Amino acid sequence: MYYQLRKLISFDYVIKLPPNMTNTDYDALVFALKPAIIATTKGDSNRIHKERQATALQVEVIDVVELVENQSTTRLIQVLNEI
């Protein structure tokens, strides 16, 4: 999936994360990257973590897309690979 995500032009970077990252591990990564904003999907169930990180970094959490039911990046990649 990592290499398939890299094919999409809407990404600046794709960082392959280990499957067993804890919230502490993810926090350390976000704090090291020092993003100017934290982008998320409207209704993201993990928004509370993003808000906590944003507060610590003094940045804003921005909803950049609406949640689309029954859709996923994995499915998009499968469709693109069929073309």
Protein backbone atom coordinates (compact mmCIF):
# COMPACT_ATOMS: atom_id res chain seq x y z
CA MET A 1 0.00 0.00 0.00
CA TYR A 2 2.89 2.41 0.78
CA TYR A 3 4.15 2.32 -2.79
CA GLN A 4 0.62 2.67 -4.18
CA LEU A 5 -0.04 5.77 -2.06
CA ARG A 6 3.13 7.33 -3.42
CA LYS A 7 1.57 7.18 -6.91
CA LEU A 8 -1.15 9.66 -5.95
CA ILE A 9 -0.12 13.21 -6.85
CA SER A 10 -2.05 14.84 -4.02
CA PHE A 11 0.60 13.84 -1.47
CA ASP A 12 3.85 15.68 -0.75
CA TYR A 13 5.24 12.81 1.31
CA VAL A 14 4.21 9.36 2.42
CA ILE A 15 5.75 8.08 5.61
CA LYS A 16 5.49 4.35 6.19
CA LEU A 17 4.59 3.81 9.84
CA PRO A 18 4.99 0.61 11.82
CA PRO A 19 1.67 -1.15 12.44
CA ASN A 20 2.00 -1.11 16.23
CA MET A 21 2.54 2.60 16.91
CA THR A 22 1.22 3.86 20.22
CA ASN A 23 -0.23 7.32 20.71
CA THR A 24 3.06 8.27 22.38
CA ASP A 25 5.04 7.08 19.34
CA TYR A 26 2.76 9.00 16.99
CA ASP A 27 2.99 12.12 19.17
CA ALA A 28 6.79 11.95 19.00
CA LEU A 29 6.63 11.77 15.20
CA VAL A 30 4.19 14.69 14.90
CA PHE A 31 6.25 16.81 17.31
CA ALA A 32 9.43 16.03 15.36
CA LEU A 33 7.79 17.02 12.06
CA LYS A 34 6.42 20.28 13.54
CA PRO A 35 3.59 20.74 11.03
CA ALA A 36 2.19 24.21 10.35
CA ILE A 37 -1.33 22.74 10.53
CA ILE A 38 -2.85 19.36 11.28
CA ALA A 39 -5.29 18.35 8.55
CA THR A 40 -8.04 15.86 9.21
CA THR A 41 -11.28 14.47 7.90
CA LYS A 42 -14.46 16.05 9.29
CA GLY A 43 -15.85 13.64 11.90
CA ASP A 44 -12.50 11.85 12.39
CA SER A 45 -12.84 9.56 15.42
CA ASN A 46 -9.22 10.35 16.36
CA ARG A 47 -9.65 14.12 16.32
CA ILE A 48 -9.14 14.34 20.09
CA HIS A 49 -5.51 13.24 19.57
CA LYS A 50 -5.02 15.76 16.78
CA GLU A 51 -6.46 18.54 18.96
CA ARG A 52 -4.07 17.58 21.78
CA GLN A 53 -1.10 17.62 19.41
CA ALA A 54 -2.19 20.92 17.87
CA THR A 55 -2.48 22.53 21.29
CA ALA A 56 1.03 21.39 22.20
CA LEU A 57 2.40 22.67 18.88
CA GLN A 58 0.29 25.84 18.93
CA VAL A 59 -1.16 25.09 15.49
CA GLU A 60 -4.67 24.67 14.12
CA VAL A 61 -6.57 21.47 13.28
CA ILE A 62 -8.35 21.95 9.95
CA ASP A 63 -11.06 19.76 8.46
CA VAL A 64 -9.96 19.42 4.84
CA VAL A 65 -12.43 16.83 3.55
CA GLU A 66 -15.82 15.42 4.40
CA LEU A 67 -16.08 11.78 5.42
CA VAL A 68 -17.27 9.75 2.43
CA GLU A 69 -19.17 6.66 3.47
CA ASN A 70 -18.12 3.33 1.96
CA GLN A 71 -14.97 4.84 0.41
CA SER A 72 -11.32 4.39 1.29
CA THR A 73 -7.85 5.13 0.00
CA THR A 74 -7.31 1.40 -0.42
CA ARG A 75 -10.36 1.14 -2.68
CA LEU A 76 -9.27 4.21 -4.68
CA ILE A 77 -5.87 2.63 -5.30
CA GLN A 78 -7.49 -0.63 -6.41
CA VAL A 79 -9.65 1.27 -8.92
CA LEU A 80 -6.67 3.27 -10.23
CA ASN A 81 -4.64 0.11 -10.65
CA GLU A 82 -7.42 -1.37 -12.79
CA ILE A 83 -7.20 1.52 -15.29
